[in-house]
mmCIF file of all heavy atoms, coordinates in Angstrom:
data_MODEL
# 
_entry.id   MODEL 
# 
loop_
_atom_site.group_PDB 
_atom_site.id 
_atom_site.type_symbol 
_atom_site.label_atom_id 
_atom_site.label_alt_id 
_atom_site.label_comp_id 
_atom_site.label_asym_id 
_atom_site.label_entity_id 
_atom_site.label_seq_id 
_atom_site.pdbx_PDB_ins_code 
_atom_site.Cartn_x 
_atom_site.Cartn_y 
_atom_site.Cartn_z 
_atom_site.occupancy 
_atom_site.B_iso_or_equiv 
_atom_site.pdbx_formal_charge 
_atom_site.auth_seq_id 
_atom_site.auth_comp_id 
_atom_site.auth_asym_id 
_atom_site.auth_atom_id 
_atom_site.pdbx_PDB_model_num 
ATOM 1   N N   . PRO A 1 1  ? 9.409   -1.004  -10.462 1.00 0.00 ? 1  PRO A N   1 
ATOM 2   C CA  . PRO A 1 1  ? 10.646  -0.989  -11.249 1.00 0.00 ? 1  PRO A CA  1 
ATOM 3   C C   . PRO A 1 1  ? 10.882  -2.279  -12.036 1.00 0.00 ? 1  PRO A C   1 
ATOM 4   O O   . PRO A 1 1  ? 11.739  -2.336  -12.904 1.00 0.00 ? 1  PRO A O   1 
ATOM 5   C CB  . PRO A 1 1  ? 11.730  -0.808  -10.181 1.00 0.00 ? 1  PRO A CB  1 
ATOM 6   C CG  . PRO A 1 1  ? 11.119  -1.322  -8.916  1.00 0.00 ? 1  PRO A CG  1 
ATOM 7   C CD  . PRO A 1 1  ? 9.654   -1.036  -9.023  1.00 0.00 ? 1  PRO A CD  1 
ATOM 8   N N   . ARG A 1 2  ? 10.099  -3.331  -11.737 1.00 0.00 ? 2  ARG A N   1 
ATOM 9   C CA  . ARG A 1 2  ? 10.230  -4.576  -12.502 1.00 0.00 ? 2  ARG A CA  1 
ATOM 10  C C   . ARG A 1 2  ? 8.893   -4.924  -13.151 1.00 0.00 ? 2  ARG A C   1 
ATOM 11  O O   . ARG A 1 2  ? 7.854   -4.392  -12.776 1.00 0.00 ? 2  ARG A O   1 
ATOM 12  C CB  . ARG A 1 2  ? 10.721  -5.728  -11.613 1.00 0.00 ? 2  ARG A CB  1 
ATOM 13  C CG  . ARG A 1 2  ? 9.778   -6.110  -10.510 1.00 0.00 ? 2  ARG A CG  1 
ATOM 14  C CD  . ARG A 1 2  ? 10.358  -7.190  -9.593  1.00 0.00 ? 2  ARG A CD  1 
ATOM 15  N NE  . ARG A 1 2  ? 9.436   -7.519  -8.514  1.00 0.00 ? 2  ARG A NE  1 
ATOM 16  C CZ  . ARG A 1 2  ? 8.429   -8.371  -8.621  1.00 0.00 ? 2  ARG A CZ  1 
ATOM 17  N NH1 . ARG A 1 2  ? 8.219   -9.018  -9.749  1.00 0.00 ? 2  ARG A NH1 1 
ATOM 18  N NH2 . ARG A 1 2  ? 7.639   -8.598  -7.597  1.00 0.00 ? 2  ARG A NH2 1 
ATOM 19  N N   . VAL A 1 3  ? 8.957   -5.824  -14.102 1.00 0.00 ? 3  VAL A N   1 
ATOM 20  C CA  . VAL A 1 3  ? 7.739   -6.230  -14.822 1.00 0.00 ? 3  VAL A CA  1 
ATOM 21  C C   . VAL A 1 3  ? 6.910   -7.154  -13.933 1.00 0.00 ? 3  VAL A C   1 
ATOM 22  O O   . VAL A 1 3  ? 7.411   -8.168  -13.441 1.00 0.00 ? 3  VAL A O   1 
ATOM 23  C CB  . VAL A 1 3  ? 8.102   -6.947  -16.144 1.00 0.00 ? 3  VAL A CB  1 
ATOM 24  C CG1 . VAL A 1 3  ? 6.831   -7.437  -16.843 1.00 0.00 ? 3  VAL A CG1 1 
ATOM 25  C CG2 . VAL A 1 3  ? 8.894   -6.012  -17.058 1.00 0.00 ? 3  VAL A CG2 1 
ATOM 26  N N   . VAL A 1 4  ? 5.661   -6.789  -13.717 1.00 0.00 ? 4  VAL A N   1 
ATOM 27  C CA  . VAL A 1 4  ? 4.738   -7.592  -12.912 1.00 0.00 ? 4  VAL A CA  1 
ATOM 28  C C   . VAL A 1 4  ? 3.454   -7.771  -13.716 1.00 0.00 ? 4  VAL A C   1 
ATOM 29  O O   . VAL A 1 4  ? 2.940   -6.816  -14.301 1.00 0.00 ? 4  VAL A O   1 
ATOM 30  C CB  . VAL A 1 4  ? 4.428   -6.907  -11.559 1.00 0.00 ? 4  VAL A CB  1 
ATOM 31  C CG1 . VAL A 1 4  ? 3.437   -7.741  -10.741 1.00 0.00 ? 4  VAL A CG1 1 
ATOM 32  C CG2 . VAL A 1 4  ? 5.713   -6.676  -10.763 1.00 0.00 ? 4  VAL A CG2 1 
ATOM 33  N N   . GLY A 1 5  ? 2.940   -8.993  -13.741 1.00 0.00 ? 5  GLY A N   1 
ATOM 34  C CA  . GLY A 1 5  ? 1.731   -9.285  -14.488 1.00 0.00 ? 5  GLY A CA  1 
ATOM 35  C C   . GLY A 1 5  ? 0.473   -8.975  -13.697 1.00 0.00 ? 5  GLY A C   1 
ATOM 36  O O   . GLY A 1 5  ? 0.512   -8.678  -12.497 1.00 0.00 ? 5  GLY A O   1 
ATOM 37  N N   . PHE A 1 6  ? -0.664  -9.078  -14.387 1.00 0.00 ? 6  PHE A N   1 
ATOM 38  C CA  . PHE A 1 6  ? -1.975  -8.816  -13.783 1.00 0.00 ? 6  PHE A CA  1 
ATOM 39  C C   . PHE A 1 6  ? -2.948  -9.911  -14.214 1.00 0.00 ? 6  PHE A C   1 
ATOM 40  O O   . PHE A 1 6  ? -2.922  -10.350 -15.371 1.00 0.00 ? 6  PHE A O   1 
ATOM 41  C CB  . PHE A 1 6  ? -2.512  -7.450  -14.250 1.00 0.00 ? 6  PHE A CB  1 
ATOM 42  C CG  . PHE A 1 6  ? -3.964  -7.237  -13.920 1.00 0.00 ? 6  PHE A CG  1 
ATOM 43  C CD1 . PHE A 1 6  ? -4.349  -6.809  -12.661 1.00 0.00 ? 6  PHE A CD1 1 
ATOM 44  C CD2 . PHE A 1 6  ? -4.955  -7.497  -14.873 1.00 0.00 ? 6  PHE A CD2 1 
ATOM 45  C CE1 . PHE A 1 6  ? -5.703  -6.639  -12.349 1.00 0.00 ? 6  PHE A CE1 1 
ATOM 46  C CE2 . PHE A 1 6  ? -6.298  -7.331  -14.570 1.00 0.00 ? 6  PHE A CE2 1 
ATOM 47  C CZ  . PHE A 1 6  ? -6.669  -6.893  -13.306 1.00 0.00 ? 6  PHE A CZ  1 
ATOM 48  N N   . LYS A 1 7  ? -3.807  -10.328 -13.291 1.00 0.00 ? 7  LYS A N   1 
ATOM 49  C CA  . LYS A 1 7  ? -4.822  -11.328 -13.618 1.00 0.00 ? 7  LYS A CA  1 
ATOM 50  C C   . LYS A 1 7  ? -6.182  -10.888 -13.086 1.00 0.00 ? 7  LYS A C   1 
ATOM 51  O O   . LYS A 1 7  ? -6.325  -10.588 -11.892 1.00 0.00 ? 7  LYS A O   1 
ATOM 52  C CB  . LYS A 1 7  ? -4.440  -12.697 -13.036 1.00 0.00 ? 7  LYS A CB  1 
ATOM 53  C CG  . LYS A 1 7  ? -5.477  -13.806 -13.299 1.00 0.00 ? 7  LYS A CG  1 
ATOM 54  C CD  . LYS A 1 7  ? -4.962  -15.153 -12.810 1.00 0.00 ? 7  LYS A CD  1 
ATOM 55  C CE  . LYS A 1 7  ? -6.040  -16.227 -12.849 1.00 0.00 ? 7  LYS A CE  1 
ATOM 56  N NZ  . LYS A 1 7  ? -5.547  -17.540 -12.378 1.00 0.00 ? 7  LYS A NZ  1 
ATOM 57  N N   . ALA A 1 8  ? -7.160  -10.814 -13.980 1.00 0.00 ? 8  ALA A N   1 
ATOM 58  C CA  . ALA A 1 8  ? -8.546  -10.529 -13.606 1.00 0.00 ? 8  ALA A CA  1 
ATOM 59  C C   . ALA A 1 8  ? -9.275  -11.852 -13.445 1.00 0.00 ? 8  ALA A C   1 
ATOM 60  O O   . ALA A 1 8  ? -9.272  -12.674 -14.359 1.00 0.00 ? 8  ALA A O   1 
ATOM 61  C CB  . ALA A 1 8  ? -9.222  -9.688  -14.682 1.00 0.00 ? 8  ALA A CB  1 
ATOM 62  N N   . ALA A 1 9  ? -9.894  -12.054 -12.294 1.00 0.00 ? 9  ALA A N   1 
ATOM 63  C CA  . ALA A 1 9  ? -10.570 -13.331 -12.040 1.00 0.00 ? 9  ALA A CA  1 
ATOM 64  C C   . ALA A 1 9  ? -11.911 -13.099 -11.371 1.00 0.00 ? 9  ALA A C   1 
ATOM 65  O O   . ALA A 1 9  ? -12.040 -12.250 -10.485 1.00 0.00 ? 9  ALA A O   1 
ATOM 66  C CB  . ALA A 1 9  ? -9.704  -14.217 -11.148 1.00 0.00 ? 9  ALA A CB  1 
ATOM 67  N N   . GLY A 1 10 ? -12.903 -13.857 -11.820 1.00 0.00 ? 10 GLY A N   1 
ATOM 68  C CA  . GLY A 1 10 ? -14.232 -13.759 -11.233 1.00 0.00 ? 10 GLY A CA  1 
ATOM 69  C C   . GLY A 1 10 ? -15.071 -12.717 -11.933 1.00 0.00 ? 10 GLY A C   1 
ATOM 70  O O   . GLY A 1 10 ? -14.787 -11.529 -11.855 1.00 0.00 ? 10 GLY A O   1 
ATOM 71  N N   . GLY A 1 11 ? -16.074 -13.165 -12.665 1.00 0.00 ? 11 GLY A N   1 
ATOM 72  C CA  . GLY A 1 11 ? -17.006 -12.231 -13.289 1.00 0.00 ? 11 GLY A CA  1 
ATOM 73  C C   . GLY A 1 11 ? -16.704 -11.852 -14.725 1.00 0.00 ? 11 GLY A C   1 
ATOM 74  O O   . GLY A 1 11 ? -17.460 -11.104 -15.334 1.00 0.00 ? 11 GLY A O   1 
ATOM 75  N N   . VAL A 1 12 ? -15.581 -12.347 -15.273 1.00 0.00 ? 12 VAL A N   1 
ATOM 76  C CA  . VAL A 1 12 ? -15.289 -12.092 -16.691 1.00 0.00 ? 12 VAL A CA  1 
ATOM 77  C C   . VAL A 1 12 ? -15.883 -13.266 -17.472 1.00 0.00 ? 12 VAL A C   1 
ATOM 78  O O   . VAL A 1 12 ? -15.280 -14.334 -17.565 1.00 0.00 ? 12 VAL A O   1 
ATOM 79  C CB  . VAL A 1 12 ? -13.769 -11.954 -16.950 1.00 0.00 ? 12 VAL A CB  1 
ATOM 80  C CG1 . VAL A 1 12 ? -13.510 -11.560 -18.400 1.00 0.00 ? 12 VAL A CG1 1 
ATOM 81  C CG2 . VAL A 1 12 ? -13.153 -10.917 -16.010 1.00 0.00 ? 12 VAL A CG2 1 
ATOM 82  N N   . LYS A 1 13 ? -17.071 -13.062 -18.021 1.00 0.00 ? 13 LYS A N   1 
ATOM 83  C CA  . LYS A 1 13 ? -17.833 -14.187 -18.572 1.00 0.00 ? 13 LYS A CA  1 
ATOM 84  C C   . LYS A 1 13 ? -18.032 -14.136 -20.087 1.00 0.00 ? 13 LYS A C   1 
ATOM 85  O O   . LYS A 1 13 ? -18.343 -15.150 -20.702 1.00 0.00 ? 13 LYS A O   1 
ATOM 86  C CB  . LYS A 1 13 ? -19.218 -14.255 -17.905 1.00 0.00 ? 13 LYS A CB  1 
ATOM 87  C CG  . LYS A 1 13 ? -19.152 -14.506 -16.398 1.00 0.00 ? 13 LYS A CG  1 
ATOM 88  C CD  . LYS A 1 13 ? -20.541 -14.533 -15.787 1.00 0.00 ? 13 LYS A CD  1 
ATOM 89  C CE  . LYS A 1 13 ? -20.502 -14.690 -14.284 1.00 0.00 ? 13 LYS A CE  1 
ATOM 90  N NZ  . LYS A 1 13 ? -19.895 -15.938 -13.822 1.00 0.00 ? 13 LYS A NZ  1 
ATOM 91  N N   . THR A 1 14 ? -17.903 -12.956 -20.677 1.00 0.00 ? 14 THR A N   1 
ATOM 92  C CA  . THR A 1 14 ? -18.184 -12.808 -22.105 1.00 0.00 ? 14 THR A CA  1 
ATOM 93  C C   . THR A 1 14 ? -17.033 -12.106 -22.815 1.00 0.00 ? 14 THR A C   1 
ATOM 94  O O   . THR A 1 14 ? -16.181 -11.479 -22.173 1.00 0.00 ? 14 THR A O   1 
ATOM 95  C CB  . THR A 1 14 ? -19.459 -11.974 -22.324 1.00 0.00 ? 14 THR A CB  1 
ATOM 96  O OG1 . THR A 1 14 ? -19.208 -10.626 -21.866 1.00 0.00 ? 14 THR A OG1 1 
ATOM 97  C CG2 . THR A 1 14 ? -20.656 -12.558 -21.584 1.00 0.00 ? 14 THR A CG2 1 
ATOM 98  N N   . VAL A 1 15 ? -17.035 -12.202 -24.125 1.00 0.00 ? 15 VAL A N   1 
ATOM 99  C CA  . VAL A 1 15 ? -16.018 -11.502 -24.916 1.00 0.00 ? 15 VAL A CA  1 
ATOM 100 C C   . VAL A 1 15 ? -16.119 -9.995  -24.668 1.00 0.00 ? 15 VAL A C   1 
ATOM 101 O O   . VAL A 1 15 ? -15.101 -9.304  -24.570 1.00 0.00 ? 15 VAL A O   1 
ATOM 102 C CB  . VAL A 1 15 ? -16.176 -11.820 -26.423 1.00 0.00 ? 15 VAL A CB  1 
ATOM 103 C CG1 . VAL A 1 15 ? -15.223 -10.973 -27.258 1.00 0.00 ? 15 VAL A CG1 1 
ATOM 104 C CG2 . VAL A 1 15 ? -15.915 -13.300 -26.682 1.00 0.00 ? 15 VAL A CG2 1 
ATOM 105 N N   . MET A 1 16 ? -17.350 -9.501  -24.507 1.00 0.00 ? 16 MET A N   1 
ATOM 106 C CA  . MET A 1 16 ? -17.517 -8.075  -24.229 1.00 0.00 ? 16 MET A CA  1 
ATOM 107 C C   . MET A 1 16 ? -16.858 -7.690  -22.900 1.00 0.00 ? 16 MET A C   1 
ATOM 108 O O   . MET A 1 16 ? -16.188 -6.651  -22.802 1.00 0.00 ? 16 MET A O   1 
ATOM 109 C CB  . MET A 1 16 ? -19.007 -7.712  -24.198 1.00 0.00 ? 16 MET A CB  1 
ATOM 110 C CG  . MET A 1 16 ? -19.271 -6.225  -24.164 1.00 0.00 ? 16 MET A CG  1 
ATOM 111 S SD  . MET A 1 16 ? -21.026 -5.821  -24.258 1.00 0.00 ? 16 MET A SD  1 
ATOM 112 C CE  . MET A 1 16 ? -21.348 -6.249  -25.969 1.00 0.00 ? 16 MET A CE  1 
ATOM 113 N N   . ASP A 1 17 ? -17.053 -8.537  -21.872 1.00 0.00 ? 17 ASP A N   1 
ATOM 114 C CA  . ASP A 1 17 ? -16.370 -8.298  -20.589 1.00 0.00 ? 17 ASP A CA  1 
ATOM 115 C C   . ASP A 1 17 ? -14.858 -8.255  -20.801 1.00 0.00 ? 17 ASP A C   1 
ATOM 116 O O   . ASP A 1 17 ? -14.176 -7.336  -20.331 1.00 0.00 ? 17 ASP A O   1 
ATOM 117 C CB  . ASP A 1 17 ? -16.671 -9.426  -19.586 1.00 0.00 ? 17 ASP A CB  1 
ATOM 118 C CG  . ASP A 1 17 ? -18.108 -9.471  -19.111 1.00 0.00 ? 17 ASP A CG  1 
ATOM 119 O OD1 . ASP A 1 17 ? -18.785 -8.433  -19.174 1.00 0.00 ? 17 ASP A OD1 1 
ATOM 120 O OD2 . ASP A 1 17 ? -18.545 -10.562 -18.684 1.00 0.00 ? 17 ASP A OD2 1 
ATOM 121 N N   . ALA A 1 18 ? -14.341 -9.259  -21.485 1.00 0.00 ? 18 ALA A N   1 
ATOM 122 C CA  . ALA A 1 18 ? -12.898 -9.358  -21.717 1.00 0.00 ? 18 ALA A CA  1 
ATOM 123 C C   . ALA A 1 18 ? -12.384 -8.132  -22.468 1.00 0.00 ? 18 ALA A C   1 
ATOM 124 O O   . ALA A 1 18 ? -11.313 -7.586  -22.135 1.00 0.00 ? 18 ALA A O   1 
ATOM 125 C CB  . ALA A 1 18 ? -12.571 -10.634 -22.487 1.00 0.00 ? 18 ALA A CB  1 
ATOM 126 N N   . SER A 1 19 ? -13.144 -7.678  -23.458 1.00 0.00 ? 19 SER A N   1 
ATOM 127 C CA  . SER A 1 19 ? -12.728 -6.523  -24.270 1.00 0.00 ? 19 SER A CA  1 
ATOM 128 C C   . SER A 1 19 ? -12.504 -5.288  -23.410 1.00 0.00 ? 19 SER A C   1 
ATOM 129 O O   . SER A 1 19 ? -11.556 -4.527  -23.631 1.00 0.00 ? 19 SER A O   1 
ATOM 130 C CB  . SER A 1 19 ? -13.778 -6.210  -25.333 1.00 0.00 ? 19 SER A CB  1 
ATOM 131 O OG  . SER A 1 19 ? -13.864 -7.252  -26.278 1.00 0.00 ? 19 SER A OG  1 
ATOM 132 N N   . ASN A 1 20 ? -13.375 -5.098  -22.421 1.00 0.00 ? 20 ASN A N   1 
ATOM 133 C CA  . ASN A 1 20 ? -13.238 -3.930  -21.546 1.00 0.00 ? 20 ASN A CA  1 
ATOM 134 C C   . ASN A 1 20 ? -11.930 -3.966  -20.758 1.00 0.00 ? 20 ASN A C   1 
ATOM 135 O O   . ASN A 1 20 ? -11.263 -2.935  -20.585 1.00 0.00 ? 20 ASN A O   1 
ATOM 136 C CB  . ASN A 1 20 ? -14.431 -3.848  -20.581 1.00 0.00 ? 20 ASN A CB  1 
ATOM 137 C CG  . ASN A 1 20 ? -15.721 -3.505  -21.291 1.00 0.00 ? 20 ASN A CG  1 
ATOM 138 O OD1 . ASN A 1 20 ? -15.724 -2.803  -22.296 1.00 0.00 ? 20 ASN A OD1 1 
ATOM 139 N ND2 . ASN A 1 20 ? -16.835 -4.001  -20.779 1.00 0.00 ? 20 ASN A ND2 1 
ATOM 140 N N   . TYR A 1 21 ? -11.563 -5.157  -20.286 1.00 0.00 ? 21 TYR A N   1 
ATOM 141 C CA  . TYR A 1 21 ? -10.308 -5.303  -19.542 1.00 0.00 ? 21 TYR A CA  1 
ATOM 142 C C   . TYR A 1 21 ? -9.100  -5.144  -20.475 1.00 0.00 ? 21 TYR A C   1 
ATOM 143 O O   . TYR A 1 21 ? -8.100  -4.518  -20.106 1.00 0.00 ? 21 TYR A O   1 
ATOM 144 C CB  . TYR A 1 21 ? -10.259 -6.664  -18.838 1.00 0.00 ? 21 TYR A CB  1 
ATOM 145 C CG  . TYR A 1 21 ? -11.130 -6.714  -17.613 1.00 0.00 ? 21 TYR A CG  1 
ATOM 146 C CD1 . TYR A 1 21 ? -12.462 -7.115  -17.694 1.00 0.00 ? 21 TYR A CD1 1 
ATOM 147 C CD2 . TYR A 1 21 ? -10.632 -6.350  -16.368 1.00 0.00 ? 21 TYR A CD2 1 
ATOM 148 C CE1 . TYR A 1 21 ? -13.282 -7.139  -16.568 1.00 0.00 ? 21 TYR A CE1 1 
ATOM 149 C CE2 . TYR A 1 21 ? -11.439 -6.380  -15.233 1.00 0.00 ? 21 TYR A CE2 1 
ATOM 150 C CZ  . TYR A 1 21 ? -12.761 -6.767  -15.344 1.00 0.00 ? 21 TYR A CZ  1 
ATOM 151 O OH  . TYR A 1 21 ? -13.561 -6.780  -14.228 1.00 0.00 ? 21 TYR A OH  1 
ATOM 152 N N   . LEU A 1 22 ? -9.187  -5.704  -21.660 1.00 0.00 ? 22 LEU A N   1 
ATOM 153 C CA  . LEU A 1 22 ? -8.089  -5.599  -22.621 1.00 0.00 ? 22 LEU A CA  1 
ATOM 154 C C   . LEU A 1 22 ? -7.853  -4.142  -23.009 1.00 0.00 ? 22 LEU A C   1 
ATOM 155 O O   . LEU A 1 22 ? -6.700  -3.691  -23.109 1.00 0.00 ? 22 LEU A O   1 
ATOM 156 C CB  . LEU A 1 22 ? -8.385  -6.441  -23.865 1.00 0.00 ? 22 LEU A CB  1 
ATOM 157 C CG  . LEU A 1 22 ? -8.448  -7.957  -23.651 1.00 0.00 ? 22 LEU A CG  1 
ATOM 158 C CD1 . LEU A 1 22 ? -8.943  -8.654  -24.913 1.00 0.00 ? 22 LEU A CD1 1 
ATOM 159 C CD2 . LEU A 1 22 ? -7.101  -8.517  -23.218 1.00 0.00 ? 22 LEU A CD2 1 
ATOM 160 N N   . GLN A 1 23 ? -8.933  -3.379  -23.191 1.00 0.00 ? 23 GLN A N   1 
ATOM 161 C CA  . GLN A 1 23 ? -8.801  -1.972  -23.549 1.00 0.00 ? 23 GLN A CA  1 
ATOM 162 C C   . GLN A 1 23 ? -8.173  -1.168  -22.409 1.00 0.00 ? 23 GLN A C   1 
ATOM 163 O O   . GLN A 1 23 ? -7.277  -0.341  -22.627 1.00 0.00 ? 23 GLN A O   1 
ATOM 164 C CB  . GLN A 1 23 ? -10.171 -1.374  -23.902 1.00 0.00 ? 23 GLN A CB  1 
ATOM 165 C CG  . GLN A 1 23 ? -10.107 0.062   -24.426 1.00 0.00 ? 23 GLN A CG  1 
ATOM 166 C CD  . GLN A 1 23 ? -9.255  0.185   -25.676 1.00 0.00 ? 23 GLN A CD  1 
ATOM 167 O OE1 . GLN A 1 23 ? -9.507  -0.464  -26.678 1.00 0.00 ? 23 GLN A OE1 1 
ATOM 168 N NE2 . GLN A 1 23 ? -8.206  1.012   -25.620 1.00 0.00 ? 23 GLN A NE2 1 
ATOM 169 N N   . LEU A 1 24 ? -8.638  -1.430  -21.190 1.00 0.00 ? 24 LEU A N   1 
ATOM 170 C CA  . LEU A 1 24 ? -8.101  -0.721  -20.023 1.00 0.00 ? 24 LEU A CA  1 
ATOM 171 C C   . LEU A 1 24 ? -6.613  -1.020  -19.846 1.00 0.00 ? 24 LEU A C   1 
ATOM 172 O O   . LEU A 1 24 ? -5.808  -0.101  -19.597 1.00 0.00 ? 24 LEU A O   1 
ATOM 173 C CB  . LEU A 1 24 ? -8.880  -1.127  -18.773 1.00 0.00 ? 24 LEU A CB  1 
ATOM 174 C CG  . LEU A 1 24 ? -8.484  -0.447  -17.454 1.00 0.00 ? 24 LEU A CG  1 
ATOM 175 C CD1 . LEU A 1 24 ? -8.627  1.067   -17.547 1.00 0.00 ? 24 LEU A CD1 1 
ATOM 176 C CD2 . LEU A 1 24 ? -9.334  -0.988  -16.303 1.00 0.00 ? 24 LEU A CD2 1 
ATOM 177 N N   . ALA A 1 25 ? -6.241  -2.289  -19.981 1.00 0.00 ? 25 ALA A N   1 
ATOM 178 C CA  . ALA A 1 25 ? -4.831  -2.670  -19.838 1.00 0.00 ? 25 ALA A CA  1 
ATOM 179 C C   . ALA A 1 25 ? -3.975  -2.033  -20.928 1.00 0.00 ? 25 ALA A C   1 
ATOM 180 O O   . ALA A 1 25 ? -2.846  -1.589  -20.669 1.00 0.00 ? 25 ALA A O   1 
ATOM 181 C CB  . ALA A 1 25 ? -4.688  -4.188  -19.875 1.00 0.00 ? 25 ALA A CB  1 
ATOM 182 N N   . THR A 1 26 ? -4.507  -1.968  -22.134 1.00 0.00 ? 26 THR A N   1 
ATOM 183 C CA  . THR A 1 26 ? -3.780  -1.321  -23.236 1.00 0.00 ? 26 THR A CA  1 
ATOM 184 C C   . THR A 1 26 ? -3.578  0.154   -22.938 1.00 0.00 ? 26 THR A C   1 
ATOM 185 O O   . THR A 1 26 ? -2.484  0.701   -23.135 1.00 0.00 ? 26 THR A O   1 
ATOM 186 C CB  . THR A 1 26 ? -4.545  -1.489  -24.571 1.00 0.00 ? 26 THR A CB  1 
ATOM 187 O OG1 . THR A 1 26 ? -4.714  -2.876  -24.827 1.00 0.00 ? 26 THR A OG1 1 
ATOM 188 C CG2 . THR A 1 26 ? -3.783  -0.868  -25.726 1.00 0.00 ? 26 THR A CG2 1 
ATOM 189 N N   . ASP A 1 27 ? -4.615  0.810   -22.448 1.00 0.00 ? 27 ASP A N   1 
ATOM 190 C CA  . ASP A 1 27 ? -4.536  2.246   -22.148 1.00 0.00 ? 27 ASP A CA  1 
ATOM 191 C C   . ASP A 1 27 ? -3.481  2.549   -21.089 1.00 0.00 ? 27 ASP A C   1 
ATOM 192 O O   . ASP A 1 27 ? -2.763  3.547   -21.177 1.00 0.00 ? 27 ASP A O   1 
ATOM 193 C CB  . ASP A 1 27 ? -5.893  2.774   -21.655 1.00 0.00 ? 27 ASP A CB  1 
ATOM 194 C CG  . ASP A 1 27 ? -6.960  2.785   -22.745 1.00 0.00 ? 27 ASP A CG  1 
ATOM 195 O OD1 . ASP A 1 27 ? -6.593  2.649   -23.936 1.00 0.00 ? 27 ASP A OD1 1 
ATOM 196 O OD2 . ASP A 1 27 ? -8.153  2.908   -22.405 1.00 0.00 ? 27 ASP A OD2 1 
# 
């Protein structure tokens, strides 16, 4: 019911890795 953030840590090493997480979070 309240706004809570998310942090991905460990193993995100490239822009391609980051893009996958950004797309999933957007979806």
